[in-house]
Amino acid sequence: MRQEARRLAVTRNGCSGRRKRIVAEDDRSSSNYTDHRQDKQIVEQRMWEEGHLGMLRLTLGRLEKMVGEQQRQAVQTRVARAQPPPLARRRKKLLGGRLWWRKDGQEDETTKRERG
């Protein structure tokens, strides 16, 4: 009975909800709060772990961002390489919209539209 009262008192004016949740989840914790020091240790350890997980998530996010940047730059360079040499555009218009630097001689949309 006294233990129950102590448990209620602890939950009423003791630790925050997060700590309670951590203690409740952890199987090492005592169900009736007899060893409060152990619970405190558990809570501190879990808080520390969660903090470190947060840091890991941050660094992972940064890494992902960096990798994304690199990929985007690679794509940009690929696109830049795929474009024709600067004089080719003028010659393309003279050739009536066929892309002569492409093997299949695909037509360009803009010149089609210009021709009607």
PDB file of N, CA and C in Angstrom:
ATOM      1  N   MET A   1       0.835  -1.202   0.000  1.00  0.00           N
ATOM      2  CA  MET A   1       0.000   0.000   0.000  1.00  0.00           C
ATOM      3  C   MET A   1       0.873   1.257   0.000  1.00  0.00           C
ATOM      4  N   ARG A   2       1.895   1.222   0.891  1.00  0.00           N
ATOM      5  CA  ARG A   2       2.776   2.392   0.974  1.00  0.00           C
ATOM      6  C   ARG A   2       3.561   2.566  -0.337  1.00  0.00           C
ATOM      7  N   GLN A   3       3.987   1.418  -0.920  1.00  0.00           N
ATOM      8  CA  GLN A   3       4.717   1.486  -2.188  1.00  0.00           C
ATOM      9  C   GLN A   3       3.833   2.087  -3.281  1.00  0.00           C
ATOM     10  N   GLU A   4       2.576   1.663  -3.292  1.00  0.00           N
ATOM     11  CA  GLU A   4       1.631   2.186  -4.284  1.00  0.00           C
ATOM     12  C   GLU A   4       1.482   3.705  -4.134  1.00  0.00           C
ATOM     13  N   ALA A   5       1.375   4.118  -2.874  1.00  0.00           N
ATOM     14  CA  ALA A   5       1.227   5.554  -2.604  1.00  0.00           C
ATOM     15  C   ALA A   5       2.464   6.306  -3.094  1.00  0.00           C
ATOM     16  N   ARG A   6       3.643   5.716  -2.838  1.00  0.00           N
ATOM     17  CA  ARG A   6       4.877   6.368  -3.265  1.00  0.00           C
ATOM     18  C   ARG A   6       4.924   6.461  -4.790  1.00  0.00           C
ATOM     19  N   ARG A   7       4.483   5.375  -5.454  1.00  0.00           N
ATOM     20  CA  ARG A   7       4.490   5.361  -6.915  1.00  0.00           C
ATOM     21  C   ARG A   7       3.582   6.461  -7.462  1.00  0.00           C
ATOM     22  N   LEU A   8       2.412   6.566  -6.855  1.00  0.00           N
ATOM     23  CA  LEU A   8       1.458   7.593  -7.286  1.00  0.00           C
ATOM     24  C   LEU A   8       2.052   8.979  -7.056  1.00  0.00           C
ATOM     25  N   ALA A   9       2.703   9.150  -5.898  1.00  0.00           N
ATOM     26  CA  ALA A   9       3.296  10.455  -5.571  1.00  0.00           C
ATOM     27  C   ALA A   9       4.371  10.799  -6.600  1.00  0.00           C
ATOM     28  N   VAL A  10       5.171   9.796  -6.943  1.00  0.00           N
ATOM     29  CA  VAL A  10       6.243  10.037  -7.905  1.00  0.00           C
ATOM     30  C   VAL A  10       5.660  10.429  -9.253  1.00  0.00           C
ATOM     31  N   THR A  11       4.614   9.707  -9.679  1.00  0.00           N
ATOM     32  CA  THR A  11       4.049  10.045 -10.986  1.00  0.00           C
ATOM     33  C   THR A  11       3.326  11.382 -10.926  1.00  0.00           C
ATOM     34  N   ARG A  12       2.755  11.710  -9.753  1.00  0.00           N
ATOM     35  CA  ARG A  12       2.004  12.955  -9.655  1.00  0.00           C
ATOM     36  C   ARG A  12       2.937  14.166  -9.692  1.00  0.00           C
ATOM     37  N   ASN A  13       3.966  14.172  -8.840  1.00  0.00           N
ATOM     38  CA  ASN A  13       4.800  15.372  -8.797  1.00  0.00           C
ATOM     39  C   ASN A  13       6.271  15.079  -9.087  1.00  0.00           C
ATOM     40  N   GLY A  14       6.505  13.950  -9.739  1.00  0.00           N
ATOM     41  CA  GLY A  14       7.900  13.576  -9.991  1.00  0.00           C
ATOM     42  C   GLY A  14       8.382  13.997 -11.356  1.00  0.00           C
ATOM     43  N   CYS A  15       8.653  13.016 -12.194  1.00  0.00           N
ATOM     44  CA  CYS A  15       9.336  13.300 -13.447  1.00  0.00           C
ATOM     45  C   CYS A  15       8.345  13.581 -14.574  1.00  0.00           C
ATOM     46  N   SER A  16       8.877  14.109 -15.637  1.00  0.00           N
ATOM     47  CA  SER A  16       8.045  14.481 -16.784  1.00  0.00           C
ATOM     48  C   SER A  16       7.520  13.252 -17.510  1.00  0.00           C
ATOM     49  N   GLY A  17       6.625  13.475 -18.430  1.00  0.00           N
ATOM     50  CA  GLY A  17       6.009  12.375 -19.168  1.00  0.00           C
ATOM     51  C   GLY A  17       7.022  11.565 -19.946  1.00  0.00           C
ATOM     52  N   ARG A  18       8.009  12.257 -20.511  1.00  0.00           N
ATOM     53  CA  ARG A  18       9.017  11.567 -21.305  1.00  0.00           C
ATOM     54  C   ARG A  18       9.791  10.579 -20.435  1.00  0.00           C
ATOM     55  N   ARG A  19      10.159  11.048 -19.256  1.00  0.00           N
ATOM     56  CA  ARG A  19      10.901  10.176 -18.340  1.00  0.00           C
ATOM     57  C   ARG A  19      10.042   8.992 -17.917  1.00  0.00           C
ATOM     58  N   LYS A  20       8.772   9.285 -17.636  1.00  0.00           N
ATOM     59  CA  LYS A  20       7.870   8.203 -17.239  1.00  0.00           C
ATOM     60  C   LYS A  20       7.782   7.168 -18.346  1.00  0.00           C
ATOM     61  N   ARG A  21       7.653   7.659 -19.591  1.00  0.00           N
ATOM     62  CA  ARG A  21       7.534   6.749 -20.732  1.00  0.00           C
ATOM     63  C   ARG A  21       8.783   5.884 -20.841  1.00  0.00           C
ATOM     64  N   ILE A  22       9.956   6.520 -20.681  1.00  0.00           N
ATOM     65  CA  ILE A  22      11.223   5.783 -20.790  1.00  0.00           C
ATOM     66  C   ILE A  22      11.281   4.713 -19.712  1.00  0.00           C
ATOM     67  N   VAL A  23      10.933   5.093 -18.492  1.00  0.00           N
ATOM     68  CA  VAL A  23      11.000   4.138 -17.383  1.00  0.00           C
ATOM     69  C   VAL A  23      10.000   3.021 -17.603  1.00  0.00           C
ATOM     70  N   ALA A  24       8.817   3.373 -18.105  1.00  0.00           N
ATOM     71  CA  ALA A  24       7.788   2.356 -18.326  1.00  0.00           C
ATOM     72  C   ALA A  24       8.225   1.390 -19.424  1.00  0.00           C
ATOM     73  N   GLU A  25       8.891   1.914 -20.466  1.00  0.00           N
ATOM     74  CA  GLU A  25       9.315   1.058 -21.572  1.00  0.00           C
ATOM     75  C   GLU A  25      10.437   0.120 -21.160  1.00  0.00           C
ATOM     76  N   ASP A  26      11.309   0.595 -20.288  1.00  0.00           N
ATOM     77  CA  ASP A  26      12.516  -0.171 -19.972  1.00  0.00           C
ATOM     78  C   ASP A  26      12.177  -1.315 -19.032  1.00  0.00           C
ATOM     79  N   ASP A  27      12.650  -2.503 -19.381  1.00  0.00           N
ATOM     80  CA  ASP A  27      12.303  -3.661 -18.553  1.00  0.00           C
ATOM     81  C   ASP A  27      13.201  -3.777 -17.324  1.00  0.00           C
ATOM     82  N   ARG A  28      14.303  -3.003 -17.297  1.00  0.00           N
ATOM     83  CA  ARG A  28      15.165  -3.086 -16.114  1.00  0.00           C
ATOM     84  C   ARG A  28      14.570  -2.314 -14.947  1.00  0.00           C
ATOM     85  N   SER A  29      13.637  -1.407 -15.263  1.00  0.00           N
ATOM     86  CA  SER A  29      13.116  -0.556 -14.196  1.00  0.00           C
ATOM     87  C   SER A  29      12.207  -1.371 -13.278  1.00  0.00           C
ATOM     88  N   SER A  30      12.163  -0.960 -12.045  1.00  0.00           N
ATOM     89  CA  SER A  30      11.321  -1.658 -11.083  1.00  0.00           C
ATOM     90  C   SER A  30       9.894  -1.147 -11.238  1.00  0.00           C
ATOM     91  N   SER A  31       8.958  -2.063 -11.160  1.00  0.00           N
ATOM     92  CA  SER A  31       7.577  -1.678 -11.446  1.00  0.00           C
ATOM     93  C   SER A  31       7.013  -0.768 -10.345  1.00  0.00           C
ATOM     94  N   ASN A  32       7.523  -0.904  -9.105  1.00  0.00           N
ATOM     95  CA  ASN A  32       6.921  -0.132  -8.018  1.00  0.00           C
ATOM     96  C   ASN A  32       7.872   0.933  -7.456  1.00  0.00           C
ATOM     97  N   TYR A  33       8.762   1.426  -8.308  1.00  0.00           N
ATOM     98  CA  TYR A  33       9.609   2.573  -7.955  1.00  0.00           C
ATOM     99  C   TYR A  33      10.373   2.409  -6.652  1.00  0.00           C
ATOM    100  N   THR A  34      10.698   1.162  -6.277  1.00  0.00           N
ATOM    101  CA  THR A  34      11.453   1.007  -5.037  1.00  0.00           C
ATOM    102  C   THR A  34      12.867   1.539  -5.231  1.00  0.00           C
ATOM    103  N   ASP A  35      13.465   1.242  -6.371  1.00  0.00           N
ATOM    104  CA  ASP A  35      14.824   1.712  -6.623  1.00  0.00           C
ATOM    105  C   ASP A  35      14.755   2.873  -7.602  1.00  0.00           C
ATOM    106  N   HIS A  36      14.584   4.045  -7.044  1.00  0.00           N
ATOM    107  CA  HIS A  36      14.425   5.212  -7.911  1.00  0.00           C
ATOM    108  C   HIS A  36      15.738   5.595  -8.580  1.00  0.00           C
ATOM    109  N   ARG A  37      16.843   5.281  -7.903  1.00  0.00           N
ATOM    110  CA  ARG A  37      18.150   5.613  -8.487  1.00  0.00           C
ATOM    111  C   ARG A  37      18.366   4.875  -9.804  1.00  0.00           C
ATOM    112  N   GLN A  38      17.962   3.591  -9.823  1.00  0.00           N
ATOM    113  CA  GLN A  38      18.120   2.792 -11.043  1.00  0.00           C
ATOM    114  C   GLN A  38      17.283   3.402 -12.170  1.00  0.00           C
ATOM    115  N   ASP A  39      16.070   3.811 -11.837  1.00  0.00           N
ATOM    116  CA  ASP A  39      15.211   4.441 -12.837  1.00  0.00           C
ATOM    117  C   ASP A  39      15.864   5.702 -13.382  1.00  0.00           C
ATOM    118  N   LYS A  40      16.465   6.467 -12.468  1.00  0.00           N
ATOM    119  CA  LYS A  40      17.115   7.714 -12.879  1.00  0.00           C
ATOM    120  C   LYS A  40      18.252   7.406 -13.853  1.00  0.00           C
ATOM    121  N   GLN A  41      19.014   6.369 -13.528  1.00  0.00           N
ATOM    122  CA  GLN A  41      20.122   5.955 -14.401  1.00  0.00           C
ATOM    123  C   GLN A  41      19.594   5.572 -15.786  1.00  0.00           C
ATOM    124  N   ILE A  42      18.518   4.783 -15.769  1.00  0.00           N
ATOM    125  CA  ILE A  42      17.928   4.332 -17.027  1.00  0.00           C
ATOM    126  C   ILE A  42      17.505   5.545 -17.849  1.00  0.00           C
ATOM    127  N   VAL A  43      16.824   6.469 -17.167  1.00  0.00           N
ATOM    128  CA  VAL A  43      16.317   7.664 -17.854  1.00  0.00           C
ATOM    129  C   VAL A  43      17.484   8.451 -18.435  1.00  0.00           C
ATOM    130  N   GLU A  44      18.520   8.653 -17.631  1.00  0.00           N
ATOM    131  CA  GLU A  44      19.667   9.428 -18.116  1.00  0.00           C
ATOM    132  C   GLU A  44      20.318   8.760 -19.315  1.00  0.00           C
ATOM    133  N   GLN A  45      20.468   7.428 -19.236  1.00  0.00           N
ATOM    134  CA  GLN A  45      21.100   6.696 -20.335  1.00  0.00           C
ATOM    135  C   GLN A  45      20.271   6.824 -21.605  1.00  0.00           C
ATOM    136  N   ARG A  46      18.957   6.649 -21.453  1.00  0.00           N
ATOM    137  CA  ARG A  46      18.095   6.732 -22.633  1.00  0.00           C
ATOM    138  C   ARG A  46      18.096   8.132 -23.227  1.00  0.00           C
ATOM    139  N   MET A  47      18.080   9.154 -22.348  1.00  0.00           N
ATOM    140  CA  MET A  47      18.108  10.534 -22.833  1.00  0.00           C
ATOM    141  C   MET A  47      19.397  10.761 -23.626  1.00  0.00           C
ATOM    142  N   TRP A  48      20.498  10.247 -23.077  1.00  0.00           N
ATOM    143  CA  TRP A  48      21.799  10.400 -23.732  1.00  0.00           C
ATOM    144  C   TRP A  48      21.768   9.717 -25.098  1.00  0.00           C
ATOM    145  N   GLU A  49      21.217   8.465 -25.114  1.00  0.00           N
ATOM    146  CA  GLU A  49      21.139   7.717 -26.371  1.00  0.00           C
ATOM    147  C   GLU A  49      20.301   8.475 -27.386  1.00  0.00           C
ATOM    148  N   GLU A  50      19.141   8.990 -26.915  1.00  0.00           N
ATOM    149  CA  GLU A  50      18.258   9.709 -27.829  1.00  0.00           C
ATOM    150  C   GLU A  50      18.952  10.955 -28.367  1.00  0.00           C
ATOM    151  N   GLY A  51      19.686  11.641 -27.484  1.00  0.00           N
ATOM    152  CA  GLY A  51      20.426  12.820 -27.916  1.00  0.00           C
ATOM    153  C   GLY A  51      21.435  12.475 -28.999  1.00  0.00           C
ATOM    154  N   HIS A  52      22.140  11.358 -28.780  1.00  0.00           N
ATOM    155  CA  HIS A  52      23.143  10.962 -29.759  1.00  0.00           C
ATOM    156  C   HIS A  52      22.501  10.524 -31.058  1.00  0.00           C
ATOM    157  N   LEU A  53      21.336   9.876 -30.944  1.00  0.00           N
ATOM    158  CA  LEU A  53      20.619   9.493 -32.160  1.00  0.00           C
ATOM    159  C   LEU A  53      20.255  10.740 -32.956  1.00  0.00           C
ATOM    160  N   GLY A  54      19.826  11.776 -32.218  1.00  0.00           N
ATOM    161  CA  GLY A  54      19.484  13.032 -32.875  1.00  0.00           C
ATOM    162  C   GLY A  54      20.681  13.596 -33.618  1.00  0.00           C
ATOM    163  N   MET A  55      21.851  13.552 -32.962  1.00  0.00           N
ATOM    164  CA  MET A  55      23.061  14.060 -33.603  1.00  0.00           C
ATOM    165  C   MET A  55      23.380  13.243 -34.857  1.00  0.00           C
ATOM    166  N   LEU A  56      23.219  11.918 -34.728  1.00  0.00           N
ATOM    167  CA  LEU A  56      23.484  11.046 -35.873  1.00  0.00           C
ATOM    168  C   LEU A  56      22.558  11.397 -37.028  1.00  0.00           C
ATOM    169  N   ARG A  57      21.275  11.627 -36.684  1.00  0.00           N
ATOM    170  CA  ARG A  57      20.307  11.977 -37.726  1.00  0.00           C
ATOM    171  C   ARG A  57      20.735  13.254 -38.428  1.00  0.00           C
ATOM    172  N   LEU A  58      21.211  14.232 -37.628  1.00  0.00           N
ATOM    173  CA  LEU A  58      21.649  15.506 -38.204  1.00  0.00           C
ATOM    174  C   LEU A  58      22.798  15.291 -39.182  1.00  0.00           C
ATOM    175  N   THR A  59      23.813  14.523 -38.719  1.00  0.00           N
ATOM    176  CA  THR A  59      24.978  14.330 -39.578  1.00  0.00           C
ATOM    177  C   THR A  59      24.583  13.547 -40.825  1.00  0.00           C
ATOM    178  N   LEU A  60      23.671  12.569 -40.666  1.00  0.00           N
ATOM    179  CA  LEU A  60      23.210  11.801 -41.820  1.00  0.00           C
ATOM    180  C   LEU A  60      22.509  12.722 -42.812  1.00  0.00           C
ATOM    181  N   GLY A  61      21.681  13.619 -42.265  1.00  0.00           N
ATOM    182  CA  GLY A  61      20.980  14.577 -43.128  1.00  0.00           C
ATOM    183  C   GLY A  61      21.960  15.422 -43.912  1.00  0.00           C
ATOM    184  N   ARG A  62      22.993  15.891 -43.212  1.00  0.00           N
ATOM    185  CA  ARG A  62      24.006  16.725 -43.880  1.00  0.00           C
ATOM    186  C   ARG A  62      24.698  15.936 -44.991  1.00  0.00           C
ATOM    187  N   LEU A  63      25.028  14.671 -44.674  1.00  0.00           N
ATOM    188  CA  LEU A  63      25.697  13.832 -45.675  1.00  0.00           C
ATOM    189  C   LEU A  63      24.798  13.650 -46.894  1.00  0.00           C
ATOM    190  N   GLU A  64      23.496  13.370 -46.630  1.00  0.00           N
ATOM    191  CA  GLU A  64      22.557  13.174 -47.729  1.00  0.00           C
ATOM    192  C   GLU A  64      22.505  14.419 -48.598  1.00  0.00           C
ATOM    193  N   LYS A  65      22.494  15.577 -47.926  1.00  0.00           N
ATOM    194  CA  LYS A  65      22.441  16.848 -48.645  1.00  0.00           C
ATOM    195  C   LYS A  65      23.668  16.981 -49.555  1.00  0.00           C
ATOM    196  N   MET A  66      24.845  16.667 -48.980  1.00  0.00           N
ATOM    197  CA  MET A  66      26.080  16.789 -49.751  1.00  0.00           C
ATOM    198  C   MET A  66      26.048  15.863 -50.971  1.00  0.00           C
ATOM    199  N   VAL A  67      25.601  14.608 -50.733  1.00  0.00           N
ATOM    200  CA  VAL A  67      25.542  13.643 -51.828  1.00  0.00           C
ATOM    201  C   VAL A  67      24.570  14.141 -52.896  1.00  0.00           C
ATOM    202  N   GLY A  68      23.433  14.685 -52.448  1.00  0.00           N
ATOM    203  CA  GLY A  68      22.449  15.223 -53.384  1.00  0.00           C
ATOM    204  C   GLY A  68      23.041  16.332 -54.231  1.00  0.00           C
ATOM    205  N   GLU A  69      23.810  17.233 -53.570  1.00  0.00           N
ATOM    206  CA  GLU A  69      24.455  18.326 -54.296  1.00  0.00           C
ATOM    207  C   GLU A  69      25.372  17.771 -55.389  1.00  0.00           C
ATOM    208  N   GLN A  70      26.188  16.783 -54.985  1.00  0.00           N
ATOM    209  CA  GLN A  70      27.136  16.209 -55.939  1.00  0.00           C
ATOM    210  C   GLN A  70      26.405  15.595 -57.130  1.00  0.00           C
ATOM    211  N   GLN A  71      25.305  14.863 -56.820  1.00  0.00           N
ATOM    212  CA  GLN A  71      24.552  14.231 -57.900  1.00  0.00           C
ATOM    213  C   GLN A  71      23.975  15.288 -58.841  1.00  0.00           C
ATOM    214  N   ARG A  72      23.434  16.367 -58.223  1.00  0.00           N
ATOM    215  CA  ARG A  72      22.827  17.406 -59.052  1.00  0.00           C
ATOM    216  C   ARG A  72      23.883  18.041 -59.973  1.00  0.00           C
ATOM    217  N   GLN A  73      25.077  18.280 -59.389  1.00  0.00           N
ATOM    218  CA  GLN A  73      26.152  18.865 -60.198  1.00  0.00           C
ATOM    219  C   GLN A  73      26.537  17.928 -61.339  1.00  0.00           C
ATOM    220  N   ALA A  74      26.593  16.628 -61.047  1.00  0.00           N
ATOM    221  CA  ALA A  74      26.934  15.651 -62.078  1.00  0.00           C
ATOM    222  C   ALA A  74      25.908  15.703 -63.201  1.00  0.00           C
ATOM    223  N   VAL A  75      24.632  15.760 -62.821  1.00  0.00           N
ATOM    224  CA  VAL A  75      23.565  15.827 -63.824  1.00  0.00           C
ATOM    225  C   VAL A  75      23.711  17.097 -64.653  1.00  0.00           C
ATOM    226  N   GLN A  76      24.000  18.220 -63.963  1.00  0.00           N
ATOM    227  CA  GLN A  76      24.158  19.483 -64.688  1.00  0.00           C
ATOM    228  C   GLN A  76      25.292  19.399 -65.706  1.00  0.00           C
ATOM    229  N   THR A  77      26.409  18.813 -65.304  1.00  0.00           N
ATOM    230  CA  THR A  77      27.527  18.719 -66.244  1.00  0.00           C
ATOM    231  C   THR A  77      27.145  17.816 -67.413  1.00  0.00           C
ATOM    232  N   ARG A  78      26.388  16.744 -67.122  1.00  0.00           N
ATOM    233  CA  ARG A  78      25.959  15.840 -68.184  1.00  0.00           C
ATOM    234  C   ARG A  78      25.077  16.586 -69.185  1.00  0.00           C
ATOM    235  N   VAL A  79      24.144  17.381 -68.627  1.00  0.00           N
ATOM    236  CA  VAL A  79      23.244  18.152 -69.484  1.00  0.00           C
ATOM    237  C   VAL A  79      24.046  19.146 -70.320  1.00  0.00           C
ATOM    238  N   ALA A  80      25.014  19.800 -69.675  1.00  0.00           N
ATOM    239  CA  ALA A  80      25.830  20.782 -70.374  1.00  0.00           C
ATOM    240  C   ALA A  80      26.596  20.098 -71.503  1.00  0.00           C
ATOM    241  N   ARG A  81      27.051  18.886 -71.274  1.00  0.00           N
ATOM    242  CA  ARG A  81      27.804  18.172 -72.303  1.00  0.00           C
ATOM    243  C   ARG A  81      26.891  17.771 -73.453  1.00  0.00           C
ATOM    244  N   ALA A  82      25.631  17.473 -73.132  1.00  0.00           N
ATOM    245  CA  ALA A  82      24.698  17.013 -74.159  1.00  0.00           C
ATOM    246  C   ALA A  82      24.291  18.138 -75.100  1.00  0.00           C
ATOM    247  N   GLN A  83      24.438  19.386 -74.644  1.00  0.00           N
ATOM    248  CA  GLN A  83      24.036  20.497 -75.505  1.00  0.00           C
ATOM    249  C   GLN A  83      25.009  20.661 -76.674  1.00  0.00           C
ATOM    250  N   PRO A  84      24.497  21.152 -77.785  1.00  0.00           N
ATOM    251  CA  PRO A  84      25.334  21.286 -78.979  1.00  0.00           C
ATOM    252  C   PRO A  84      26.365  22.393 -78.824  1.00  0.00           C
ATOM    253  N   PRO A  85      27.376  22.384 -79.651  1.00  0.00           N
ATOM    254  CA  PRO A  85      28.330  23.488 -79.643  1.00  0.00           C
ATOM    255  C   PRO A  85      27.614  24.792 -80.014  1.00  0.00           C
ATOM    256  N   PRO A  86      28.084  25.924 -79.550  1.00  0.00           N
ATOM    257  CA  PRO A  86      27.357  27.185 -79.696  1.00  0.00           C
ATOM    258  C   PRO A  86      26.986  27.531 -81.138  1.00  0.00           C
ATOM    259  N   LEU A  87      27.838  27.203 -82.087  1.00  0.00           N
ATOM    260  CA  LEU A  87      27.521  27.546 -83.472  1.00  0.00           C
ATOM    261  C   LEU A  87      26.446  26.635 -84.052  1.00  0.00           C
ATOM    262  N   ALA A  88      26.291  25.474 -83.446  1.00  0.00           N
ATOM    263  CA  ALA A  88      25.363  24.484 -83.979  1.00  0.00           C
ATOM    264  C   ALA A  88      23.939  25.012 -83.972  1.00  0.00           C
ATOM    265  N   ARG A  89      23.594  25.863 -83.009  1.00  0.00           N
ATOM    266  CA  ARG A  89      22.222  26.344 -82.920  1.00  0.00           C
ATOM    267  C   ARG A  89      21.859  27.125 -84.186  1.00  0.00           C
ATOM    268  N   ARG A  90      22.779  28.004 -84.614  1.00  0.00           N
ATOM    269  CA  ARG A  90      22.528  28.817 -85.807  1.00  0.00           C
ATOM    270  C   ARG A  90      22.390  27.901 -87.037  1.00  0.00           C
ATOM    271  N   ARG A  91      23.279  26.929 -87.122  1.00  0.00           N
ATOM    272  CA  ARG A  91      23.265  26.022 -88.274  1.00  0.00           C
ATOM    273  C   ARG A  91      21.985  25.189 -88.257  1.00  0.00           C
ATOM    274  N   LYS A  92      21.510  24.841 -87.046  1.00  0.00           N
ATOM    275  CA  LYS A  92      20.291  24.041 -86.903  1.00  0.00           C
ATOM    276  C   LYS A  92      19.126  24.783 -87.537  1.00  0.00           C
ATOM    277  N   LYS A  93      19.033  26.109 -87.275  1.00  0.00           N
ATOM    278  CA  LYS A  93      17.944  26.900 -87.843  1.00  0.00           C
ATOM    279  C   LYS A  93      18.041  26.888 -89.368  1.00  0.00           C
ATOM    280  N   LEU A  94      19.244  26.938 -89.877  1.00  0.00           N
ATOM    281  CA  LEU A  94      19.415  26.910 -91.333  1.00  0.00           C
ATOM    282  C   LEU A  94      18.982  25.566 -91.901  1.00  0.00           C
ATOM    283  N   LEU A  95      19.178  24.524 -91.112  1.00  0.00           N
ATOM    284  CA  LEU A  95      18.833  23.179 -91.587  1.00  0.00           C
ATOM    285  C   LEU A  95      17.344  22.868 -91.369  1.00  0.00           C
ATOM    286  N   GLY A  96      16.554  23.859 -90.965  1.00  0.00           N
ATOM    287  CA  GLY A  96      15.117  23.641 -90.826  1.00  0.00           C
ATOM    288  C   GLY A  96      14.746  22.803 -89.621  1.00  0.00           C
ATOM    289  N   GLY A  97      15.472  22.958 -88.534  1.00  0.00           N
ATOM    290  CA  GLY A  97      15.051  22.360 -87.262  1.00  0.00           C
ATOM    291  C   GLY A  97      15.554  20.958 -87.023  1.00  0.00           C
ATOM    292  N   ARG A  98      16.285  20.358 -87.945  1.00  0.00           N
ATOM    293  CA  ARG A  98      16.822  19.023 -87.644  1.00  0.00           C
ATOM    294  C   ARG A  98      18.090  19.187 -86.829  1.00  0.00           C
ATOM    295  N   LEU A  99      18.222  18.335 -85.805  1.00  0.00           N
ATOM    296  CA  LEU A  99      19.423  18.424 -84.975  1.00  0.00           C
ATOM    297  C   LEU A  99      20.507  17.592 -85.644  1.00  0.00           C
ATOM    298  N   TRP A 100      21.353  18.240 -86.426  1.00  0.00           N
ATOM    299  CA  TRP A 100      22.301  17.474 -87.225  1.00  0.00           C
ATOM    300  C   TRP A 100      23.379  16.807 -86.390  1.00  0.00           C
ATOM    301  N   TRP A 101      23.550  17.282 -85.125  1.00  0.00           N
ATOM    302  CA  TRP A 101      24.606  16.635 -84.329  1.00  0.00           C
ATOM    303  C   TRP A 101      24.092  15.382 -83.649  1.00  0.00           C
ATOM    304  N   ARG A 102      22.770  15.147 -83.759  1.00  0.00           N
ATOM    305  CA  ARG A 102      22.243  13.885 -83.239  1.00  0.00           C
ATOM    306  C   ARG A 102      22.137  12.920 -84.397  1.00  0.00           C
ATOM    307  N   LYS A 103      22.443  11.655 -84.128  1.00  0.00           N
ATOM    308  CA  LYS A 103      22.463  10.669 -85.207  1.00  0.00           C
ATOM    309  C   LYS A 103      21.086  10.482 -85.826  1.00  0.00           C
ATOM    310  N   ASP A 104      20.037  10.520 -84.944  1.00  0.00           N
ATOM    311  CA  ASP A 104      18.701  10.226 -85.467  1.00  0.00           C
ATOM    312  C   ASP A 104      18.054  11.445 -86.121  1.00  0.00           C
ATOM    313  N   GLY A 105      18.691  12.614 -86.020  1.00  0.00           N
ATOM    314  CA  GLY A 105      18.177  13.813 -86.658  1.00  0.00           C
ATOM    315  C   GLY A 105      16.807  14.225 -86.158  1.00  0.00           C
ATOM    316  N   GLN A 106      16.613  14.146 -84.824  1.00  0.00           N
ATOM    317  CA  GLN A 106      15.318  14.513 -84.241  1.00  0.00           C
ATOM    318  C   GLN A 106      14.996  15.975 -84.489  1.00  0.00           C
ATOM    319  N   GLU A 107      13.721  16.279 -84.583  1.00  0.00           N
ATOM    320  CA  GLU A 107      13.320  17.667 -84.800  1.00  0.00           C
ATOM    321  C   GLU A 107      13.227  18.396 -83.466  1.00  0.00           C
ATOM    322  N   ASP A 108      13.504  19.670 -83.510  1.00  0.00           N
ATOM    323  CA  ASP A 108      13.422  20.491 -82.314  1.00  0.00           C
ATOM    324  C   ASP A 108      12.020  21.077 -82.222  1.00  0.00           C
ATOM    325  N   GLU A 109      11.449  21.084 -80.993  1.00  0.00           N
ATOM    326  CA  GLU A 109      10.075  21.555 -80.819  1.00  0.00           C
ATOM    327  C   GLU A 109       9.913  23.013 -81.231  1.00  0.00           C
ATOM    328  N   THR A 110      10.876  23.872 -80.832  1.00  0.00           N
ATOM    329  CA  THR A 110      10.700  25.315 -81.056  1.00  0.00           C
ATOM    330  C   THR A 110      10.643  25.623 -82.552  1.00  0.00           C
ATOM    331  N   THR A 111      11.499  24.972 -83.346  1.00  0.00           N
ATOM    332  CA  THR A 111      11.511  25.280 -84.772  1.00  0.00           C
ATOM    333  C   THR A 111      10.239  24.778 -85.429  1.00  0.00           C
ATOM    334  N   LYS A 112       9.719  23.650 -84.956  1.00  0.00           N
ATOM    335  CA  LYS A 112       8.445  23.153 -85.477  1.00  0.00           C
ATOM    336  C   LYS A 112       7.368  24.200 -85.258  1.00  0.00           C
ATOM    337  N   ARG A 113       7.330  24.753 -84.046  1.00  0.00           N
ATOM    338  CA  ARG A 113       6.309  25.729 -83.688  1.00  0.00           C
ATOM    339  C   ARG A 113       6.485  26.985 -84.545  1.00  0.00           C
ATOM    340  N   GLU A 114       7.732  27.370 -84.766  1.00  0.00           N
ATOM    341  CA  GLU A 114       7.992  28.565 -85.568  1.00  0.00           C
ATOM    342  C   GLU A 114       7.518  28.366 -87.011  1.00  0.00           C
ATOM    343  N   ARG A 115       7.676  27.161 -87.509  1.00  0.00           N
ATOM    344  CA  ARG A 115       7.266  26.896 -88.894  1.00  0.00           C
ATOM    345  C   ARG A 115       5.750  26.751 -89.020  1.00  0.00           C
ATOM    346  N   GLY A 116       5.109  26.468 -87.874  1.00  0.00           N
ATOM    347  CA  GLY A 116       3.644  26.355 -87.914  1.00  0.00           C
ATOM    348  C   GLY A 116       3.317  24.944 -88.100  1.00  0.00           C
TER     349      GLY A 116
END
